[in-house]
Amino acid sequence: MKQYILSIFSVTLLAASLFALPVKAETCTTQYGGTTTCVPTDLTINKQVKNPVSSVFVENLSSTDPAFSPGSEVLFKLTIKNASGQTFNPVTVKDTLPTYLTFVAGPGTFDKPSNTLTFALENVIAGETRTVELLVKVVDKSAFPGGKSFFCVVNGVNVSALNRNDGDTSQLCIQTEVLGATTLPAAGFNDLLLLLPFVGVGLGGFALLKKKS
């Protein structure tokens, strides 16, 4: 009887220790019977762009949606979620801007040659969601090639921590010439909104990085 009780106790301790370990990548079976390493999906990022007319954040703006004009500002929102049972520290985010978009304001460090913004979120606890906003600008009309007046670009972002990683994209379109109008609505910060995007960063404690003119 004592041996039976001790066996149950040992199994219970083993199960508890297994549950206490960090989640690791699993081995998944492919369609053709092979195996591959599956990365946990409990750290995710979602990227949205602000509609220049409705001021609503959406996943993408297609060719049938309102377009941006050269020189107008574009506001992106990044939502990072930790759905795991542990704290991630740090969580690294890399946002690579496409051609025709230039950096204006955001957290972290911007590398101009690669057009990439990199920043880190500290101590993202289990179940926490953080939001960061990134302000960019459409380049001047002179930077666009001739013979075409409509362009769609895709902005990609990646998040990583430990063995987790996730990515997302958001599309917008640019119209360099508009018949019957001189400019298109510009999407950017309203009064005092230049500071608000970093409220969601919380414990990150980022200082505003603003592009020098």
N, C-alpha and C. Protein backbone atom coordinates (compact mmCIF):
# COMPACT_ATOMS: atom_id res chain seq x y z
N MET A 1 0.83 -1.21 0.00
CA MET A 1 0.00 0.00 0.00
C MET A 1 0.87 1.26 0.00
N LYS A 2 1.95 1.25 0.81
CA LYS A 2 2.85 2.39 0.87
C LYS A 2 3.51 2.62 -0.48
N GLN A 3 3.92 1.50 -1.13
CA GLN A 3 4.55 1.63 -2.44
C GLN A 3 3.60 2.25 -3.45
N TYR A 4 2.32 1.86 -3.38
CA TYR A 4 1.30 2.39 -4.31
C TYR A 4 1.12 3.89 -4.11
N ILE A 5 1.07 4.31 -2.83
CA ILE A 5 0.90 5.73 -2.51
C ILE A 5 2.11 6.52 -2.98
N LEU A 6 3.33 5.96 -2.75
CA LEU A 6 4.55 6.64 -3.17
C LEU A 6 4.60 6.77 -4.68
N SER A 7 4.13 5.75 -5.40
CA SER A 7 4.14 5.80 -6.86
C SER A 7 3.23 6.91 -7.36
N ILE A 8 2.04 7.00 -6.78
CA ILE A 8 1.10 8.07 -7.17
C ILE A 8 1.70 9.42 -6.88
N PHE A 9 2.36 9.56 -5.72
CA PHE A 9 2.99 10.83 -5.33
C PHE A 9 4.09 11.21 -6.31
N SER A 10 4.89 10.21 -6.74
CA SER A 10 5.99 10.47 -7.67
C SER A 10 5.46 10.92 -9.02
N VAL A 11 4.41 10.26 -9.48
CA VAL A 11 3.81 10.64 -10.76
C VAL A 11 3.25 12.04 -10.71
N THR A 12 2.64 12.39 -9.57
CA THR A 12 2.07 13.73 -9.40
C THR A 12 3.16 14.79 -9.44
N LEU A 13 4.29 14.53 -8.77
CA LEU A 13 5.40 15.47 -8.78
C LEU A 13 5.98 15.63 -10.18
N LEU A 14 6.09 14.52 -10.90
CA LEU A 14 6.62 14.57 -12.26
C LEU A 14 5.72 15.39 -13.16
N ALA A 15 4.41 15.19 -13.05
CA ALA A 15 3.46 15.95 -13.88
C ALA A 15 3.52 17.42 -13.56
N ALA A 16 3.63 17.76 -12.27
CA ALA A 16 3.70 19.17 -11.87
C ALA A 16 4.95 19.83 -12.41
N SER A 17 6.08 19.08 -12.39
CA SER A 17 7.33 19.67 -12.89
C SER A 17 7.27 19.88 -14.39
N LEU A 18 6.59 18.99 -15.10
CA LEU A 18 6.46 19.13 -16.55
C LEU A 18 5.64 20.35 -16.92
N PHE A 19 4.54 20.56 -16.17
CA PHE A 19 3.69 21.72 -16.44
C PHE A 19 4.39 23.02 -16.11
N ALA A 20 5.38 22.97 -15.19
CA ALA A 20 6.09 24.18 -14.79
C ALA A 20 7.14 24.59 -15.81
N LEU A 21 7.53 23.66 -16.69
CA LEU A 21 8.55 23.99 -17.68
C LEU A 21 8.01 24.92 -18.74
N PRO A 22 8.88 25.77 -19.35
CA PRO A 22 8.44 26.64 -20.44
C PRO A 22 7.95 25.81 -21.61
N VAL A 23 7.01 26.36 -22.34
CA VAL A 23 6.50 25.67 -23.53
C VAL A 23 7.59 25.63 -24.59
N LYS A 24 7.81 24.48 -25.17
CA LYS A 24 8.82 24.33 -26.20
C LYS A 24 8.16 24.03 -27.53
N ALA A 25 8.94 24.17 -28.58
CA ALA A 25 8.43 23.87 -29.91
C ALA A 25 8.05 22.40 -29.99
N GLU A 26 6.96 22.08 -30.69
CA GLU A 26 6.49 20.73 -30.82
C GLU A 26 6.92 20.14 -32.16
N THR A 27 6.89 18.82 -32.25
CA THR A 27 7.18 18.15 -33.51
C THR A 27 5.86 17.85 -34.20
N CYS A 28 5.69 18.36 -35.42
CA CYS A 28 4.44 18.20 -36.14
C CYS A 28 4.64 17.28 -37.34
N THR A 29 3.59 16.59 -37.71
CA THR A 29 3.62 15.72 -38.87
C THR A 29 3.12 16.46 -40.09
N THR A 30 3.89 16.42 -41.17
CA THR A 30 3.50 17.12 -42.39
C THR A 30 2.49 16.28 -43.18
N GLN A 31 2.00 16.84 -44.25
CA GLN A 31 0.99 16.20 -45.08
C GLN A 31 1.50 14.87 -45.66
N TYR A 32 2.80 14.78 -45.91
CA TYR A 32 3.35 13.59 -46.55
C TYR A 32 4.07 12.67 -45.55
N GLY A 33 3.77 12.83 -44.29
CA GLY A 33 4.29 11.91 -43.29
C GLY A 33 5.61 12.29 -42.67
N GLY A 34 6.25 13.36 -43.14
CA GLY A 34 7.50 13.81 -42.55
C GLY A 34 7.26 14.58 -41.27
N THR A 35 8.32 14.99 -40.62
CA THR A 35 8.19 15.76 -39.39
C THR A 35 8.90 17.09 -39.52
N THR A 36 8.40 18.06 -38.82
CA THR A 36 9.01 19.38 -38.81
C THR A 36 8.80 20.01 -37.45
N THR A 37 9.58 21.01 -37.11
CA THR A 37 9.46 21.68 -35.82
C THR A 37 8.40 22.78 -35.91
N CYS A 38 7.42 22.71 -35.03
CA CYS A 38 6.36 23.71 -35.01
C CYS A 38 6.65 24.73 -33.92
N VAL A 39 6.71 25.98 -34.29
CA VAL A 39 6.98 27.04 -33.33
C VAL A 39 5.69 27.40 -32.60
N PRO A 40 5.71 27.51 -31.27
CA PRO A 40 4.50 27.89 -30.53
C PRO A 40 3.93 29.21 -31.03
N THR A 41 2.62 29.32 -31.02
CA THR A 41 1.97 30.52 -31.54
C THR A 41 1.32 31.34 -30.43
N ASP A 42 1.93 31.32 -29.25
CA ASP A 42 1.33 32.06 -28.14
C ASP A 42 1.92 33.46 -28.00
N LEU A 43 2.77 33.88 -28.94
CA LEU A 43 3.21 35.26 -29.04
C LEU A 43 2.85 35.74 -30.44
N THR A 44 1.96 36.72 -30.53
CA THR A 44 1.46 37.15 -31.84
C THR A 44 1.55 38.67 -31.99
N ILE A 45 1.55 39.09 -33.26
CA ILE A 45 1.53 40.52 -33.56
C ILE A 45 0.52 40.76 -34.67
N ASN A 46 -0.21 41.84 -34.55
CA ASN A 46 -1.20 42.23 -35.56
C ASN A 46 -0.90 43.66 -35.99
N LYS A 47 -0.84 43.88 -37.30
CA LYS A 47 -0.54 45.21 -37.82
C LYS A 47 -1.75 45.77 -38.54
N GLN A 48 -2.10 47.02 -38.23
CA GLN A 48 -3.22 47.69 -38.87
C GLN A 48 -2.81 49.07 -39.33
N VAL A 49 -3.51 49.57 -40.34
CA VAL A 49 -3.25 50.90 -40.87
C VAL A 49 -4.50 51.75 -40.70
N LYS A 50 -4.31 53.04 -40.47
CA LYS A 50 -5.44 53.94 -40.23
C LYS A 50 -5.99 54.46 -41.56
N ASN A 51 -7.27 54.24 -41.77
CA ASN A 51 -7.94 54.72 -42.98
C ASN A 51 -7.89 56.25 -43.00
N PRO A 52 -7.40 56.86 -44.09
CA PRO A 52 -7.23 58.31 -44.12
C PRO A 52 -8.53 59.10 -44.17
N VAL A 53 -9.64 58.44 -44.43
CA VAL A 53 -10.93 59.12 -44.49
C VAL A 53 -11.78 58.85 -43.25
N SER A 54 -11.92 57.57 -42.88
CA SER A 54 -12.76 57.21 -41.73
C SER A 54 -12.01 57.28 -40.40
N SER A 55 -10.67 57.32 -40.45
CA SER A 55 -9.81 57.33 -39.24
C SER A 55 -9.96 56.06 -38.41
N VAL A 56 -10.41 54.98 -39.04
CA VAL A 56 -10.55 53.68 -38.39
C VAL A 56 -9.36 52.80 -38.78
N PHE A 57 -8.79 52.09 -37.81
CA PHE A 57 -7.70 51.17 -38.11
C PHE A 57 -8.26 49.89 -38.74
N VAL A 58 -7.65 49.49 -39.86
CA VAL A 58 -8.09 48.29 -40.58
C VAL A 58 -6.86 47.43 -40.90
N GLU A 59 -7.12 46.18 -41.28
CA GLU A 59 -6.02 45.27 -41.59
C GLU A 59 -5.27 45.71 -42.84
N ASN A 60 -6.02 46.07 -43.88
CA ASN A 60 -5.43 46.47 -45.16
C ASN A 60 -6.30 47.51 -45.84
N LEU A 61 -5.68 48.29 -46.72
CA LEU A 61 -6.41 49.21 -47.58
C LEU A 61 -6.14 48.78 -49.02
N SER A 62 -7.18 48.37 -49.73
CA SER A 62 -7.01 47.87 -51.08
C SER A 62 -7.13 49.01 -52.09
N SER A 63 -7.07 48.65 -53.36
CA SER A 63 -7.13 49.65 -54.42
C SER A 63 -8.48 50.32 -54.51
N THR A 64 -9.51 49.74 -53.88
CA THR A 64 -10.84 50.35 -53.89
C THR A 64 -11.10 51.21 -52.65
N ASP A 65 -10.14 51.23 -51.72
CA ASP A 65 -10.26 52.05 -50.51
C ASP A 65 -9.59 53.40 -50.73
N PRO A 66 -9.81 54.35 -49.81
CA PRO A 66 -9.14 55.65 -49.93
C PRO A 66 -7.63 55.49 -50.00
N ALA A 67 -6.99 56.26 -50.86
CA ALA A 67 -5.53 56.19 -51.04
C ALA A 67 -4.87 57.40 -50.40
N PHE A 68 -3.57 57.30 -50.18
CA PHE A 68 -2.78 58.39 -49.63
C PHE A 68 -2.13 59.16 -50.78
N SER A 69 -1.80 60.40 -50.51
CA SER A 69 -1.12 61.22 -51.50
C SER A 69 0.33 61.44 -51.08
N PRO A 70 1.21 61.81 -51.99
CA PRO A 70 2.61 62.09 -51.63
C PRO A 70 2.69 63.16 -50.54
N GLY A 71 3.54 62.93 -49.56
CA GLY A 71 3.71 63.87 -48.46
C GLY A 71 2.76 63.69 -47.31
N SER A 72 1.74 62.82 -47.44
CA SER A 72 0.79 62.63 -46.36
C SER A 72 1.32 61.65 -45.32
N GLU A 73 0.82 61.74 -44.10
CA GLU A 73 1.25 60.88 -43.02
C GLU A 73 0.38 59.63 -42.93
N VAL A 74 1.01 58.54 -42.51
CA VAL A 74 0.33 57.25 -42.37
C VAL A 74 0.57 56.75 -40.95
N LEU A 75 -0.49 56.32 -40.29
CA LEU A 75 -0.38 55.83 -38.92
C LEU A 75 -0.66 54.32 -38.89
N PHE A 76 0.31 53.56 -38.36
CA PHE A 76 0.15 52.12 -38.18
C PHE A 76 -0.03 51.81 -36.70
N LYS A 77 -0.78 50.74 -36.42
CA LYS A 77 -0.93 50.26 -35.04
C LYS A 77 -0.46 48.82 -34.96
N LEU A 78 0.45 48.55 -34.02
CA LEU A 78 0.95 47.20 -33.78
C LEU A 78 0.40 46.70 -32.46
N THR A 79 -0.22 45.52 -32.48
CA THR A 79 -0.77 44.92 -31.27
C THR A 79 -0.02 43.63 -30.99
N ILE A 80 0.72 43.62 -29.88
CA ILE A 80 1.53 42.45 -29.50
C ILE A 80 0.84 41.76 -28.32
N LYS A 81 0.60 40.45 -28.46
CA LYS A 81 -0.11 39.70 -27.41
C LYS A 81 0.70 38.51 -26.95
N ASN A 82 0.82 38.37 -25.62
CA ASN A 82 1.47 37.22 -25.01
C ASN A 82 0.38 36.31 -24.46
N ALA A 83 0.06 35.25 -25.20
CA ALA A 83 -0.99 34.32 -24.79
C ALA A 83 -0.43 33.11 -24.07
N SER A 84 0.85 33.15 -23.71
CA SER A 84 1.48 32.02 -23.02
C SER A 84 1.23 32.13 -21.51
N GLY A 85 1.84 31.22 -20.79
CA GLY A 85 1.71 31.24 -19.34
C GLY A 85 2.96 31.76 -18.66
N GLN A 86 3.82 32.45 -19.40
CA GLN A 86 5.07 32.94 -18.84
C GLN A 86 5.35 34.36 -19.32
N THR A 87 6.30 35.00 -18.64
CA THR A 87 6.71 36.35 -19.01
C THR A 87 7.82 36.29 -20.06
N PHE A 88 7.70 37.13 -21.09
CA PHE A 88 8.74 37.23 -22.11
C PHE A 88 9.53 38.52 -21.89
N ASN A 89 10.85 38.39 -21.81
CA ASN A 89 11.70 39.57 -21.61
C ASN A 89 13.08 39.33 -22.22
N PRO A 90 13.40 40.07 -23.29
CA PRO A 90 12.55 41.07 -23.94
C PRO A 90 11.73 40.46 -25.09
N VAL A 91 10.83 41.26 -25.62
CA VAL A 91 10.12 40.93 -26.86
C VAL A 91 10.62 41.92 -27.91
N THR A 92 11.20 41.39 -28.96
CA THR A 92 11.80 42.25 -30.00
C THR A 92 10.87 42.39 -31.19
N VAL A 93 10.69 43.63 -31.62
CA VAL A 93 9.83 43.92 -32.77
C VAL A 93 10.66 44.60 -33.85
N LYS A 94 10.54 44.09 -35.09
CA LYS A 94 11.21 44.71 -36.24
C LYS A 94 10.19 45.03 -37.30
N ASP A 95 10.11 46.30 -37.65
CA ASP A 95 9.15 46.77 -38.65
C ASP A 95 9.92 47.33 -39.85
N THR A 96 9.75 46.70 -41.00
CA THR A 96 10.45 47.12 -42.20
C THR A 96 9.51 47.88 -43.13
N LEU A 97 9.83 49.15 -43.35
CA LEU A 97 8.98 49.98 -44.20
C LEU A 97 9.24 49.69 -45.67
N PRO A 98 8.19 49.71 -46.48
CA PRO A 98 8.36 49.48 -47.91
C PRO A 98 8.85 50.74 -48.62
N THR A 99 9.17 50.59 -49.89
CA THR A 99 9.54 51.73 -50.72
C THR A 99 8.39 52.73 -50.75
N TYR A 100 8.73 54.02 -50.76
CA TYR A 100 7.81 55.15 -50.81
C TYR A 100 7.27 55.56 -49.43
N LEU A 101 7.70 54.86 -48.36
CA LEU A 101 7.33 55.29 -47.01
C LEU A 101 8.60 55.59 -46.23
N THR A 102 8.59 56.68 -45.45
CA THR A 102 9.74 57.06 -44.64
C THR A 102 9.32 57.20 -43.18
N PHE A 103 10.24 56.94 -42.27
CA PHE A 103 9.97 56.98 -40.85
C PHE A 103 9.83 58.41 -40.34
N VAL A 104 8.85 58.61 -39.43
CA VAL A 104 8.67 59.91 -38.79
C VAL A 104 8.83 59.79 -37.28
N ALA A 105 8.05 58.92 -36.63
CA ALA A 105 8.12 58.82 -35.18
C ALA A 105 7.72 57.43 -34.71
N GLY A 106 8.37 56.99 -33.64
CA GLY A 106 8.10 55.68 -33.07
C GLY A 106 9.14 55.34 -32.03
N PRO A 107 8.99 54.23 -31.31
CA PRO A 107 9.96 53.84 -30.28
C PRO A 107 11.17 53.15 -30.89
N GLY A 108 12.23 53.02 -30.12
CA GLY A 108 13.36 52.22 -30.55
C GLY A 108 14.35 52.94 -31.45
N THR A 109 14.96 52.17 -32.35
CA THR A 109 16.02 52.67 -33.22
C THR A 109 15.64 52.43 -34.67
N PHE A 110 15.80 53.48 -35.50
CA PHE A 110 15.48 53.36 -36.91
C PHE A 110 16.77 53.32 -37.73
N ASP A 111 16.88 52.28 -38.57
CA ASP A 111 18.03 52.14 -39.46
C ASP A 111 17.61 52.58 -40.86
N LYS A 112 18.09 53.73 -41.28
CA LYS A 112 17.66 54.31 -42.55
C LYS A 112 18.04 53.48 -43.77
N PRO A 113 19.28 52.93 -43.86
CA PRO A 113 19.64 52.15 -45.04
C PRO A 113 18.71 50.96 -45.30
N SER A 114 18.27 50.29 -44.24
CA SER A 114 17.37 49.15 -44.40
C SER A 114 15.90 49.53 -44.23
N ASN A 115 15.65 50.81 -43.89
CA ASN A 115 14.28 51.30 -43.68
C ASN A 115 13.56 50.48 -42.61
N THR A 116 14.30 50.11 -41.55
CA THR A 116 13.76 49.21 -40.53
C THR A 116 13.80 49.85 -39.14
N LEU A 117 12.68 49.75 -38.43
CA LEU A 117 12.59 50.21 -37.04
C LEU A 117 12.65 48.99 -36.13
N THR A 118 13.51 49.04 -35.10
CA THR A 118 13.64 47.94 -34.15
C THR A 118 13.45 48.47 -32.73
N PHE A 119 12.61 47.78 -31.97
CA PHE A 119 12.46 48.16 -30.56
C PHE A 119 12.16 46.91 -29.73
N ALA A 120 12.33 47.03 -28.41
CA ALA A 120 12.13 45.90 -27.50
C ALA A 120 11.11 46.27 -26.42
N LEU A 121 10.25 45.33 -26.13
CA LEU A 121 9.29 45.47 -25.03
C LEU A 121 9.82 44.64 -23.86
N GLU A 122 9.85 45.22 -22.69
CA GLU A 122 10.39 44.52 -21.52
C GLU A 122 9.27 43.93 -20.68
N ASN A 123 9.53 42.73 -20.16
CA ASN A 123 8.63 42.07 -19.19
C ASN A 123 7.17 42.06 -19.65
N VAL A 124 6.93 41.44 -20.78
CA VAL A 124 5.55 41.27 -21.26
C VAL A 124 5.00 40.03 -20.56
N ILE A 125 4.16 40.24 -19.56
CA ILE A 125 3.71 39.14 -18.70
C ILE A 125 2.65 38.28 -19.39
N ALA A 126 2.40 37.13 -18.80
CA ALA A 126 1.43 36.18 -19.36
C ALA A 126 0.06 36.83 -19.51
N GLY A 127 -0.53 36.70 -20.71
CA GLY A 127 -1.85 37.23 -20.97
C GLY A 127 -1.89 38.71 -21.31
N GLU A 128 -0.73 39.37 -21.33
CA GLU A 128 -0.71 40.82 -21.57
C GLU A 128 -0.74 41.16 -23.06
N THR A 129 -1.40 42.26 -23.38
CA THR A 129 -1.43 42.79 -24.73
C THR A 129 -0.92 44.23 -24.71
N ARG A 130 0.00 44.55 -25.60
CA ARG A 130 0.51 45.92 -25.68
C ARG A 130 0.31 46.46 -27.09
N THR A 131 0.06 47.76 -27.15
CA THR A 131 -0.18 48.42 -28.43
C THR A 131 0.84 49.54 -28.63
N VAL A 132 1.42 49.57 -29.81
CA VAL A 132 2.39 50.59 -30.18
C VAL A 132 1.98 51.18 -31.51
N GLU A 133 2.08 52.49 -31.66
CA GLU A 133 1.75 53.13 -32.92
C GLU A 133 3.01 53.71 -33.58
N LEU A 134 3.01 53.66 -34.88
CA LEU A 134 4.16 54.07 -35.67
C LEU A 134 3.70 55.06 -36.74
N LEU A 135 4.32 56.23 -36.76
CA LEU A 135 3.97 57.26 -37.73
C LEU A 135 5.01 57.30 -38.84
N VAL A 136 4.54 57.20 -40.07
CA VAL A 136 5.43 57.27 -41.23
C VAL A 136 4.86 58.30 -42.21
N LYS A 137 5.59 58.51 -43.28
CA LYS A 137 5.17 59.53 -44.24
C LYS A 137 5.42 59.03 -45.66
N VAL A 138 4.49 59.36 -46.55
CA VAL A 138 4.68 59.04 -47.97
C VAL A 138 5.70 60.02 -48.54
N VAL A 139 6.62 59.52 -49.34
CA VAL A 139 7.67 60.37 -49.90
C VAL A 139 7.07 61.40 -50.86
N ASP A 140 7.88 62.38 -51.24
CA ASP A 140 7.42 63.42 -52.16
C ASP A 140 7.14 62.83 -53.55
N LYS A 141 6.35 63.53 -54.30
CA LYS A 141 5.95 63.07 -55.62
C LYS A 141 7.15 62.87 -56.54
N SER A 142 8.19 63.65 -56.35
CA SER A 142 9.37 63.55 -57.20
C SER A 142 10.08 62.20 -57.07
N ALA A 143 9.83 61.47 -55.98
CA ALA A 143 10.49 60.18 -55.75
C ALA A 143 9.79 59.03 -56.48
N PHE A 144 8.61 59.29 -57.02
CA PHE A 144 7.88 58.24 -57.73
C PHE A 144 8.28 58.22 -59.20
N PRO A 145 8.34 57.04 -59.80
CA PRO A 145 8.67 56.96 -61.23
C PRO A 145 7.53 57.50 -62.09
N GLY A 146 7.86 58.02 -63.26
CA GLY A 146 6.84 58.55 -64.14
C GLY A 146 6.10 57.44 -64.88
N GLY A 147 4.98 57.80 -65.48
CA GLY A 147 4.22 56.84 -66.25
C GLY A 147 3.25 56.01 -65.45
N LYS A 148 3.20 56.22 -64.15
CA LYS A 148 2.28 55.48 -63.29
C LYS A 148 1.87 56.39 -62.14
N SER A 149 0.57 56.40 -61.83
CA SER A 149 0.08 57.31 -60.79
C SER A 149 -0.51 56.59 -59.58
N PHE A 150 -0.53 55.26 -59.60
CA PHE A 150 -1.15 54.52 -58.49
C PHE A 150 -0.23 53.38 -58.07
N PHE A 151 0.07 53.33 -56.76
CA PHE A 151 0.99 52.33 -56.21
C PHE A 151 0.39 51.73 -54.94
N CYS A 152 0.51 50.42 -54.76
CA CYS A 152 0.15 49.77 -53.50
C CYS A 152 1.40 49.16 -52.89
N VAL A 153 1.59 49.38 -51.59
CA VAL A 153 2.78 48.88 -50.90
C VAL A 153 2.37 48.08 -49.67
N VAL A 154 3.22 47.15 -49.27
CA VAL A 154 2.94 46.29 -48.12
C VAL A 154 4.01 46.50 -47.06
N ASN A 155 3.56 46.77 -45.84
CA ASN A 155 4.47 46.99 -44.71
C ASN A 155 4.48 45.73 -43.84
N GLY A 156 5.67 45.15 -43.62
CA GLY A 156 5.78 43.93 -42.83
C GLY A 156 6.40 44.16 -41.47
N VAL A 157 5.99 43.34 -40.47
CA VAL A 157 6.53 43.45 -39.13
C VAL A 157 6.71 42.05 -38.56
N ASN A 158 7.72 41.90 -37.67
CA ASN A 158 7.99 40.62 -37.04
C ASN A 158 8.21 40.81 -35.55
N VAL A 159 7.73 39.84 -34.75
CA VAL A 159 7.94 39.87 -33.31
C VAL A 159 8.59 38.56 -32.89
N SER A 160 9.50 38.61 -31.91
CA SER A 160 10.18 37.40 -31.47
C SER A 160 10.54 37.49 -29.99
N ALA A 161 10.55 36.32 -29.34
CA ALA A 161 10.97 36.19 -27.94
C ALA A 161 11.23 34.71 -27.69
N LEU A 162 12.37 34.39 -27.10
CA LEU A 162 12.76 32.99 -26.91
C LEU A 162 12.67 32.26 -28.24
N ASN A 163 11.91 31.15 -28.31
CA ASN A 163 11.77 30.42 -29.57
C ASN A 163 10.44 30.74 -30.26
N ARG A 164 9.83 31.84 -29.86
CA ARG A 164 8.58 32.26 -30.49
C ARG A 164 8.86 33.34 -31.53
N ASN A 165 8.07 33.34 -32.57
CA ASN A 165 8.11 34.44 -33.52
C ASN A 165 6.82 34.46 -34.32
N ASP A 166 6.47 35.65 -34.76
CA ASP A 166 5.25 35.82 -35.55
C ASP A 166 5.43 37.04 -36.43
N GLY A 167 4.68 37.11 -37.49
CA GLY A 167 4.77 38.25 -38.40
C GLY A 167 3.41 38.62 -38.96
N ASP A 168 3.32 39.83 -39.47
CA ASP A 168 2.07 40.29 -40.07
C ASP A 168 2.39 41.39 -41.07
N THR A 169 1.46 41.67 -41.96
CA THR A 169 1.63 42.73 -42.95
C THR A 169 0.37 43.59 -43.01
N SER A 170 0.54 44.77 -43.57
CA SER A 170 -0.59 45.66 -43.79
C SER A 170 -0.34 46.44 -45.08
N GLN A 171 -1.36 46.50 -45.93
CA GLN A 171 -1.22 47.16 -47.22
C GLN A 171 -1.93 48.51 -47.25
N LEU A 172 -1.36 49.43 -48.02
CA LEU A 172 -2.00 50.71 -48.30
C LEU A 172 -1.66 51.09 -49.73
N CYS A 173 -2.41 52.03 -50.29
CA CYS A 173 -2.17 52.45 -51.67
C CYS A 173 -1.94 53.96 -51.73
N ILE A 174 -1.17 54.36 -52.73
CA ILE A 174 -0.78 55.76 -52.91
C ILE A 174 -1.16 56.21 -54.31
N GLN A 175 -1.79 57.36 -54.39
CA GLN A 175 -2.14 57.93 -55.69
C GLN A 175 -1.44 59.27 -55.85
N THR A 176 -0.59 59.36 -56.85
CA THR A 176 0.24 60.55 -57.02
C THR A 176 -0.47 61.67 -57.78
N GLU A 177 -1.49 61.32 -58.56
CA GLU A 177 -2.26 62.32 -59.31
C GLU A 177 -3.74 62.01 -59.19
N VAL A 178 -4.50 63.03 -58.86
CA VAL A 178 -5.94 62.86 -58.69
C VAL A 178 -6.66 63.87 -59.56
N LEU A 179 -7.51 63.40 -60.45
CA LEU A 179 -8.26 64.30 -61.31
C LEU A 179 -9.32 65.04 -60.50
N GLY A 180 -9.35 66.36 -60.64
CA GLY A 180 -10.36 67.15 -59.96
C GLY A 180 -10.03 67.48 -58.53
N ALA A 181 -8.85 67.10 -58.05
CA ALA A 181 -8.46 67.40 -56.67
C ALA A 181 -6.95 67.62 -56.63
N THR A 182 -6.53 68.44 -55.72
CA THR A 182 -5.09 68.74 -55.61
C THR A 182 -4.40 67.86 -54.58
N THR A 183 -5.14 67.45 -53.54
CA THR A 183 -4.54 66.61 -52.51
C THR A 183 -5.55 65.59 -52.03
N LEU A 184 -5.04 64.55 -51.39
CA LEU A 184 -5.89 63.54 -50.75
C LEU A 184 -5.83 63.74 -49.25
N PRO A 185 -6.84 63.25 -48.51
CA PRO A 185 -6.79 63.38 -47.05
C PRO A 185 -5.53 62.74 -46.50
N ALA A 186 -4.93 63.39 -45.53
CA ALA A 186 -3.72 62.87 -44.90
C ALA A 186 -4.07 62.25 -43.57
N ALA A 187 -3.55 61.06 -43.31
CA ALA A 187 -3.80 60.39 -42.04
C ALA A 187 -2.58 60.56 -41.16
N GLY A 188 -2.78 61.14 -39.99
CA GLY A 188 -1.64 61.32 -39.09
C GLY A 188 -2.15 61.58 -37.69
N PHE A 189 -1.33 62.19 -36.85
CA PHE A 189 -1.73 62.52 -35.49
C PHE A 189 -2.58 63.79 -35.50
N ASN A 190 -3.59 63.81 -34.67
CA ASN A 190 -4.33 65.05 -34.42
C ASN A 190 -3.61 65.80 -33.31
N ASP A 191 -4.27 66.81 -32.74
CA ASP A 191 -3.62 67.63 -31.71
C ASP A 191 -3.13 66.77 -30.56
N LEU A 192 -1.86 66.90 -30.24
CA LEU A 192 -1.20 66.25 -29.12
C LEU A 192 -1.10 64.73 -29.25
N LEU A 193 -1.52 64.15 -30.37
CA LEU A 193 -1.50 62.71 -30.50
C LEU A 193 -0.11 62.14 -30.73
N LEU A 194 0.87 63.01 -30.93
CA LEU A 194 2.23 62.53 -31.16
C LEU A 194 2.76 61.75 -29.96
N LEU A 195 2.23 62.05 -28.76
CA LEU A 195 2.69 61.37 -27.56
C LEU A 195 1.84 60.16 -27.22
N LEU A 196 0.60 60.10 -27.68
CA LEU A 196 -0.32 59.05 -27.27
C LEU A 196 0.05 57.65 -27.73
N PRO A 197 0.70 57.46 -28.90
CA PRO A 197 0.96 56.08 -29.31
C PRO A 197 1.76 55.26 -28.33
N PHE A 198 2.48 55.92 -27.41
CA PHE A 198 3.37 55.17 -26.55
C PHE A 198 2.77 54.88 -25.18
N VAL A 199 1.49 55.27 -24.97
CA VAL A 199 0.82 54.94 -23.73
C VAL A 199 0.69 53.43 -23.60
N GLY A 200 0.39 52.75 -24.73
CA GLY A 200 0.21 51.31 -24.72
C GLY A 200 1.50 50.54 -24.44
N VAL A 201 2.64 51.17 -24.59
CA VAL A 201 3.90 50.48 -24.36
C VAL A 201 4.08 50.19 -22.89
N GLY A 202 3.53 51.05 -22.02
CA GLY A 202 3.54 50.80 -20.59
C GLY A 202 4.93 50.64 -20.02
N LEU A 203 5.23 49.43 -19.57
CA LEU A 203 6.49 49.16 -18.89
C LEU A 203 7.69 49.27 -19.79
N GLY A 204 7.49 49.37 -21.07
CA GLY A 204 8.62 49.48 -22.01
C GLY A 204 9.45 50.70 -21.75
N GLY A 205 8.80 51.79 -21.36
CA GLY A 205 9.54 53.01 -21.02
C GLY A 205 10.31 53.59 -22.16
N PHE A 206 9.71 53.61 -23.35
CA PHE A 206 10.43 54.12 -24.51
C PHE A 206 10.36 55.64 -24.57
N ALA A 207 11.43 56.24 -25.03
CA ALA A 207 11.44 57.66 -25.34
C ALA A 207 11.04 57.82 -26.79
N LEU A 208 10.37 58.90 -27.09
CA LEU A 208 9.93 59.15 -28.47
C LEU A 208 11.14 59.43 -29.34
N LEU A 209 11.20 58.68 -30.43
CA LEU A 209 12.27 58.88 -31.39
C LEU A 209 11.67 59.57 -32.59
N LYS A 210 12.10 60.78 -32.87
CA LYS A 210 11.52 61.55 -33.95
C LYS A 210 12.57 61.87 -34.98
N LYS A 211 12.21 61.66 -36.23
CA LYS A 211 13.14 61.89 -37.33
C LYS A 211 13.49 63.35 -37.42
N LYS A 212 14.79 63.64 -37.55
CA LYS A 212 15.23 65.01 -37.69
C LYS A 212 14.94 65.49 -39.10
N SER A 213 14.50 66.72 -39.21
CA SER A 213 14.22 67.29 -40.54
C SER A 213 15.49 67.77 -41.20
